[in-house]
Amino acid sequence: MAQMLRSFTVATKDGRDVMIREARATDARSYLAAVRSVIEEPMRTLVVTLEELWTEEKYAQQLVPWGSDGVRLVAILDGEVVGALHIYRGPMRANRHVADFGIFLTDAARGQGLGRALLEIAEIWAEEVGVTRIELCVFAHNERAQRLYRSMGYQDEGYFKQAIRFPEGDVDEYRMAKLL
């Protein structure tokens, strides 16, 4: 018997309905187009480069259904992926209470409350599976994302100089965490 996929409907600040649900293989083209649009923005907010972007086949291999180890969520607006969040818990007994996440939103989706909605759903997953600490890294220049995380209770835990190396230069990162 097939497992029912989790989905949530949220409203954007301007009143449009967005479905946030587990990612599916059929999302590949739209997901990859969304990631590509974020990679191509002048200010980097993702570690991945265009050369490292998955193929549709590789995307399908990265799907994680809602379960004890993690989940990959997508935000769907007007039939297209406009954002996503993946969250995975630690693999060892000593760190199974910890999960780390990555998130992105396309430019058109920012400022609509979707980042907050994705994080709130990730926290629902975390509470269901017994995760009590959520961590992330965020580029030091991504002040908008930092404001969101802090507004949701994430605290700065470290600053890492030259943590990421791109051809155009190094990027510093903040490590942030929230205890549930």
C-alpha atoms as a PDB file:
ATOM      1  CA  MET A   1       0.000   0.000   0.000  1.00  0.00           C
ATOM      2  CA  ALA A   2       1.344   3.452  -0.932  1.00  0.00           C
ATOM      3  CA  GLN A   3       2.058   5.886   1.873  1.00  0.00           C
ATOM      4  CA  MET A   4       0.005   9.095   1.922  1.00  0.00           C
ATOM      5  CA  LEU A   5       2.275  12.060   1.264  1.00  0.00           C
ATOM      6  CA  ARG A   6       2.144  14.934   3.741  1.00  0.00           C
ATOM      7  CA  SER A   7       0.926  18.269   2.415  1.00  0.00           C
ATOM      8  CA  PHE A   8       0.017  21.604   3.964  1.00  0.00           C
ATOM      9  CA  THR A   9      -1.727  24.593   2.405  1.00  0.00           C
ATOM     10  CA  VAL A  10      -0.549  28.023   3.506  1.00  0.00           C
ATOM     11  CA  ALA A  11      -1.480  31.495   2.326  1.00  0.00           C
ATOM     12  CA  THR A  12       1.087  33.974   1.115  1.00  0.00           C
ATOM     13  CA  LYS A  13       1.038  37.493   2.531  1.00  0.00           C
ATOM     14  CA  ASP A  14      -0.759  38.601  -0.625  1.00  0.00           C
ATOM     15  CA  GLY A  15      -3.436  35.907  -0.242  1.00  0.00           C
ATOM     16  CA  ARG A  16      -2.366  33.200  -2.707  1.00  0.00           C
ATOM     17  CA  ASP A  17      -2.511  29.538  -1.694  1.00  0.00           C
ATOM     18  CA  VAL A  18       0.760  27.629  -1.644  1.00  0.00           C
ATOM     19  CA  MET A  19       1.011  23.894  -1.143  1.00  0.00           C
ATOM     20  CA  ILE A  20       3.961  22.702   0.905  1.00  0.00           C
ATOM     21  CA  ARG A  21       4.437  18.980   0.551  1.00  0.00           C
ATOM     22  CA  GLU A  22       6.922  16.182   0.310  1.00  0.00           C
ATOM     23  CA  ALA A  23       8.978  16.437  -2.861  1.00  0.00           C
ATOM     24  CA  ARG A  24       8.167  14.020  -5.687  1.00  0.00           C
ATOM     25  CA  ALA A  25      10.134  12.746  -8.660  1.00  0.00           C
ATOM     26  CA  THR A  26       7.697  14.622 -10.925  1.00  0.00           C
ATOM     27  CA  ASP A  27       8.904  17.906  -9.376  1.00  0.00           C
ATOM     28  CA  ALA A  28      12.383  17.487 -10.870  1.00  0.00           C
ATOM     29  CA  ARG A  29      12.159  19.918 -13.785  1.00  0.00           C
ATOM     30  CA  SER A  30      10.440  22.652 -11.757  1.00  0.00           C
ATOM     31  CA  TYR A  31      12.692  22.126  -8.711  1.00  0.00           C
ATOM     32  CA  LEU A  32      15.862  22.319 -10.781  1.00  0.00           C
ATOM     33  CA  ALA A  33      14.612  25.450 -12.592  1.00  0.00           C
ATOM     34  CA  ALA A  34      13.952  27.090  -9.217  1.00  0.00           C
ATOM     35  CA  VAL A  35      17.410  26.169  -7.906  1.00  0.00           C
ATOM     36  CA  ARG A  36      18.978  27.423 -11.143  1.00  0.00           C
ATOM     37  CA  SER A  37      17.210  30.786 -10.756  1.00  0.00           C
ATOM     38  CA  VAL A  38      18.607  31.164  -7.225  1.00  0.00           C
ATOM     39  CA  ILE A  39      22.132  30.134  -8.280  1.00  0.00           C
ATOM     40  CA  GLU A  40      22.084  32.726 -11.069  1.00  0.00           C
ATOM     41  CA  GLU A  41      21.209  35.624  -8.729  1.00  0.00           C
ATOM     42  CA  PRO A  42      23.993  38.180  -8.202  1.00  0.00           C
ATOM     43  CA  MET A  43      24.238  37.525  -4.449  1.00  0.00           C
ATOM     44  CA  ARG A  44      24.931  33.865  -3.707  1.00  0.00           C
ATOM     45  CA  THR A  45      22.704  32.200  -1.138  1.00  0.00           C
ATOM     46  CA  LEU A  46      23.362  28.559  -2.068  1.00  0.00           C
ATOM     47  CA  VAL A  47      26.548  26.515  -1.877  1.00  0.00           C
ATOM     48  CA  VAL A  48      25.767  24.596  -5.065  1.00  0.00           C
ATOM     49  CA  THR A  49      27.051  25.971  -8.375  1.00  0.00           C
ATOM     50  CA  LEU A  50      25.517  25.526 -11.823  1.00  0.00           C
ATOM     51  CA  GLU A  51      28.173  22.927 -12.653  1.00  0.00           C
ATOM     52  CA  GLU A  52      27.125  20.891  -9.609  1.00  0.00           C
ATOM     53  CA  LEU A  53      23.365  21.144 -10.175  1.00  0.00           C
ATOM     54  CA  TRP A  54      21.723  17.722 -10.239  1.00  0.00           C
ATOM     55  CA  THR A  55      20.265  16.105 -13.297  1.00  0.00           C
ATOM     56  CA  GLU A  56      16.603  15.109 -13.132  1.00  0.00           C
ATOM     57  CA  GLU A  57      17.677  11.519 -12.470  1.00  0.00           C
ATOM     58  CA  LYS A  58      19.958  12.560  -9.613  1.00  0.00           C
ATOM     59  CA  TYR A  59      17.172  14.709  -8.163  1.00  0.00           C
ATOM     60  CA  ALA A  60      14.915  11.658  -7.982  1.00  0.00           C
ATOM     61  CA  GLN A  61      17.636   9.807  -6.054  1.00  0.00           C
ATOM     62  CA  GLN A  62      17.744  12.605  -3.448  1.00  0.00           C
ATOM     63  CA  LEU A  63      14.071  12.417  -2.471  1.00  0.00           C
ATOM     64  CA  VAL A  64      13.439  11.758   1.200  1.00  0.00           C
ATOM     65  CA  PRO A  65       9.876  10.942   2.228  1.00  0.00           C
ATOM     66  CA  TRP A  66       8.597  12.171   5.593  1.00  0.00           C
ATOM     67  CA  GLY A  67      10.156   9.682   7.971  1.00  0.00           C
ATOM     68  CA  SER A  68      12.457   9.173  10.907  1.00  0.00           C
ATOM     69  CA  ASP A  69      15.620  10.243   9.026  1.00  0.00           C
ATOM     70  CA  GLY A  70      14.365  13.441   7.395  1.00  0.00           C
ATOM     71  CA  VAL A  71      12.200  14.937   4.701  1.00  0.00           C
ATOM     72  CA  ARG A  72      12.553  17.024   1.537  1.00  0.00           C
ATOM     73  CA  LEU A  73       9.735  19.558   1.192  1.00  0.00           C
ATOM     74  CA  VAL A  74       8.742  21.746  -1.749  1.00  0.00           C
ATOM     75  CA  ALA A  75       6.599  24.870  -1.878  1.00  0.00           C
ATOM     76  CA  ILE A  76       4.322  24.872  -4.925  1.00  0.00           C
ATOM     77  CA  LEU A  77       2.752  28.102  -6.230  1.00  0.00           C
ATOM     78  CA  ASP A  78       0.749  28.115  -9.455  1.00  0.00           C
ATOM     79  CA  GLY A  79       1.996  24.605 -10.232  1.00  0.00           C
ATOM     80  CA  GLU A  80       5.696  25.468  -9.943  1.00  0.00           C
ATOM     81  CA  VAL A  81       8.289  24.885  -7.226  1.00  0.00           C
ATOM     82  CA  VAL A  82       9.169  28.255  -5.690  1.00  0.00           C
ATOM     83  CA  GLY A  83      11.091  26.976  -2.695  1.00  0.00           C
ATOM     84  CA  ALA A  84      12.247  23.916  -0.832  1.00  0.00           C
ATOM     85  CA  LEU A  85      13.641  22.723   2.455  1.00  0.00           C
ATOM     86  CA  HIS A  86      15.487  19.523   3.243  1.00  0.00           C
ATOM     87  CA  ILE A  87      16.114  18.449   6.814  1.00  0.00           C
ATOM     88  CA  TYR A  88      18.077  15.402   7.944  1.00  0.00           C
ATOM     89  CA  ARG A  89      18.853  14.114  11.395  1.00  0.00           C
ATOM     90  CA  GLY A  90      22.196  12.882  12.655  1.00  0.00           C
ATOM     91  CA  PRO A  91      23.081   9.294  11.721  1.00  0.00           C
ATOM     92  CA  MET A  92      24.638   8.204  15.013  1.00  0.00           C
ATOM     93  CA  ARG A  93      22.910   7.399  18.297  1.00  0.00           C
ATOM     94  CA  ALA A  94      24.706  10.319  19.963  1.00  0.00           C
ATOM     95  CA  ASN A  95      23.394  12.880  17.443  1.00  0.00           C
ATOM     96  CA  ARG A  96      19.984  11.504  16.441  1.00  0.00           C
ATOM     97  CA  HIS A  97      18.405  14.328  18.442  1.00  0.00           C
ATOM     98  CA  VAL A  98      19.981  16.860  16.030  1.00  0.00           C
ATOM     99  CA  ALA A  99      18.822  17.805  12.526  1.00  0.00           C
ATOM    100  CA  ASP A 100      20.429  20.101   9.971  1.00  0.00           C
ATOM    101  CA  PHE A 101      18.510  21.849   7.198  1.00  0.00           C
ATOM    102  CA  GLY A 102      18.989  23.724   3.957  1.00  0.00           C
ATOM    103  CA  ILE A 103      16.382  25.989   2.414  1.00  0.00           C
ATOM    104  CA  PHE A 104      15.894  28.177  -0.650  1.00  0.00           C
ATOM    105  CA  LEU A 105      13.202  30.416  -2.073  1.00  0.00           C
ATOM    106  CA  THR A 106      13.055  31.942  -5.522  1.00  0.00           C
ATOM    107  CA  ASP A 107      13.147  35.715  -5.700  1.00  0.00           C
ATOM    108  CA  ALA A 108       9.416  35.915  -6.498  1.00  0.00           C
ATOM    109  CA  ALA A 109       8.576  33.826  -3.409  1.00  0.00           C
ATOM    110  CA  ARG A 110      10.593  35.831  -0.890  1.00  0.00           C
ATOM    111  CA  GLY A 111       8.818  38.112   1.545  1.00  0.00           C
ATOM    112  CA  GLN A 112       5.591  36.104   1.337  1.00  0.00           C
ATOM    113  CA  GLY A 113       5.969  34.085   4.545  1.00  0.00           C
ATOM    114  CA  LEU A 114       7.009  30.876   2.792  1.00  0.00           C
ATOM    115  CA  GLY A 115      10.389  30.570   4.499  1.00  0.00           C
ATOM    116  CA  ARG A 116       8.656  30.749   7.879  1.00  0.00           C
ATOM    117  CA  ALA A 117       6.022  28.234   6.739  1.00  0.00           C
ATOM    118  CA  LEU A 118       8.668  25.770   5.521  1.00  0.00           C
ATOM    119  CA  LEU A 119      10.535  26.073   8.827  1.00  0.00           C
ATOM    120  CA  GLU A 120       7.351  25.623  10.868  1.00  0.00           C
ATOM    121  CA  ILE A 121       6.584  22.422   8.958  1.00  0.00           C
ATOM    122  CA  ALA A 122      10.177  21.229   9.457  1.00  0.00           C
ATOM    123  CA  GLU A 123       9.663  21.761  13.182  1.00  0.00           C
ATOM    124  CA  ILE A 124       6.468  19.663  13.047  1.00  0.00           C
ATOM    125  CA  TRP A 125       8.546  16.870  11.482  1.00  0.00           C
ATOM    126  CA  ALA A 126      11.266  17.334  14.135  1.00  0.00           C
ATOM    127  CA  GLU A 127       8.819  17.091  17.020  1.00  0.00           C
ATOM    128  CA  GLU A 128       7.188  13.983  15.520  1.00  0.00           C
ATOM    129  CA  VAL A 129      10.496  12.130  15.254  1.00  0.00           C
ATOM    130  CA  GLY A 130      12.078  13.297  18.506  1.00  0.00           C
ATOM    131  CA  VAL A 131      14.557  15.853  17.196  1.00  0.00           C
ATOM    132  CA  THR A 132      15.246  18.456  19.890  1.00  0.00           C
ATOM    133  CA  ARG A 133      17.909  20.577  18.176  1.00  0.00           C
ATOM    134  CA  ILE A 134      17.858  22.047  14.658  1.00  0.00           C
ATOM    135  CA  GLU A 135      21.010  23.520  13.099  1.00  0.00           C
ATOM    136  CA  LEU A 136      21.943  25.400   9.961  1.00  0.00           C
ATOM    137  CA  CYS A 137      24.682  27.387   8.287  1.00  0.00           C
ATOM    138  CA  VAL A 138      23.875  30.681   6.570  1.00  0.00           C
ATOM    139  CA  PHE A 139      26.126  32.933   4.537  1.00  0.00           C
ATOM    140  CA  ALA A 140      27.231  35.966   6.561  1.00  0.00           C
ATOM    141  CA  HIS A 141      25.974  38.347   3.842  1.00  0.00           C
ATOM    142  CA  ASN A 142      22.466  36.797   3.797  1.00  0.00           C
ATOM    143  CA  GLU A 143      21.001  39.145   6.399  1.00  0.00           C
ATOM    144  CA  ARG A 144      17.409  38.557   5.306  1.00  0.00           C
ATOM    145  CA  ALA A 145      17.644  34.835   6.091  1.00  0.00           C
ATOM    146  CA  GLN A 146      19.425  35.545   9.367  1.00  0.00           C
ATOM    147  CA  ARG A 147      16.569  37.856  10.448  1.00  0.00           C
ATOM    148  CA  LEU A 148      14.040  35.105   9.695  1.00  0.00           C
ATOM    149  CA  TYR A 149      15.969  32.486  11.656  1.00  0.00           C
ATOM    150  CA  ARG A 150      16.476  34.789  14.637  1.00  0.00           C
ATOM    151  CA  SER A 151      12.778  35.756  14.626  1.00  0.00           C
ATOM    152  CA  MET A 152      11.961  32.048  14.931  1.00  0.00           C
ATOM    153  CA  GLY A 153      14.254  31.484  17.897  1.00  0.00           C
ATOM    154  CA  TYR A 154      17.479  30.390  16.203  1.00  0.00           C
ATOM    155  CA  GLN A 155      20.611  31.669  17.928  1.00  0.00           C
ATOM    156  CA  ASP A 156      24.079  32.365  16.613  1.00  0.00           C
ATOM    157  CA  GLU A 157      26.551  29.714  17.709  1.00  0.00           C
ATOM    158  CA  GLY A 158      29.603  30.491  15.648  1.00  0.00           C
ATOM    159  CA  TYR A 159      31.165  32.501  12.861  1.00  0.00           C
ATOM    160  CA  PHE A 160      33.331  30.727  10.318  1.00  0.00           C
ATOM    161  CA  LYS A 161      35.742  32.824   8.243  1.00  0.00           C
ATOM    162  CA  GLN A 162      36.229  31.723   4.630  1.00  0.00           C
ATOM    163  CA  ALA A 163      33.985  28.705   5.160  1.00  0.00           C
ATOM    164  CA  ILE A 164      32.931  28.558   1.518  1.00  0.00           C
ATOM    165  CA  ARG A 165      35.200  29.066  -1.468  1.00  0.00           C
ATOM    166  CA  PHE A 166      33.727  30.228  -4.779  1.00  0.00           C
ATOM    167  CA  PRO A 167      35.728  31.254  -7.872  1.00  0.00           C
ATOM    168  CA  GLU A 168      34.809  34.896  -7.213  1.00  0.00           C
ATOM    169  CA  GLY A 169      35.890  34.784  -3.581  1.00  0.00           C
ATOM    170  CA  ASP A 170      35.459  33.282  -0.139  1.00  0.00           C
ATOM    171  CA  VAL A 171      32.270  33.537   1.923  1.00  0.00           C
ATOM    172  CA  ASP A 172      31.951  33.560   5.696  1.00  0.00           C
ATOM    173  CA  GLU A 173      29.147  31.645   7.430  1.00  0.00           C
ATOM    174  CA  TYR A 174      27.192  31.806  10.645  1.00  0.00           C
ATOM    175  CA  ARG A 175      26.250  28.590  12.416  1.00  0.00           C
ATOM    176  CA  MET A 176      22.840  28.899  14.058  1.00  0.00           C
ATOM    177  CA  ALA A 177      20.700  26.510  16.112  1.00  0.00           C
ATOM    178  CA  LYS A 178      17.391  26.236  17.909  1.00  0.00           C
ATOM    179  CA  LEU A 179      16.466  23.964  20.777  1.00  0.00           C
ATOM    180  CA  LEU A 180      12.919  22.634  20.556  1.00  0.00           C
END
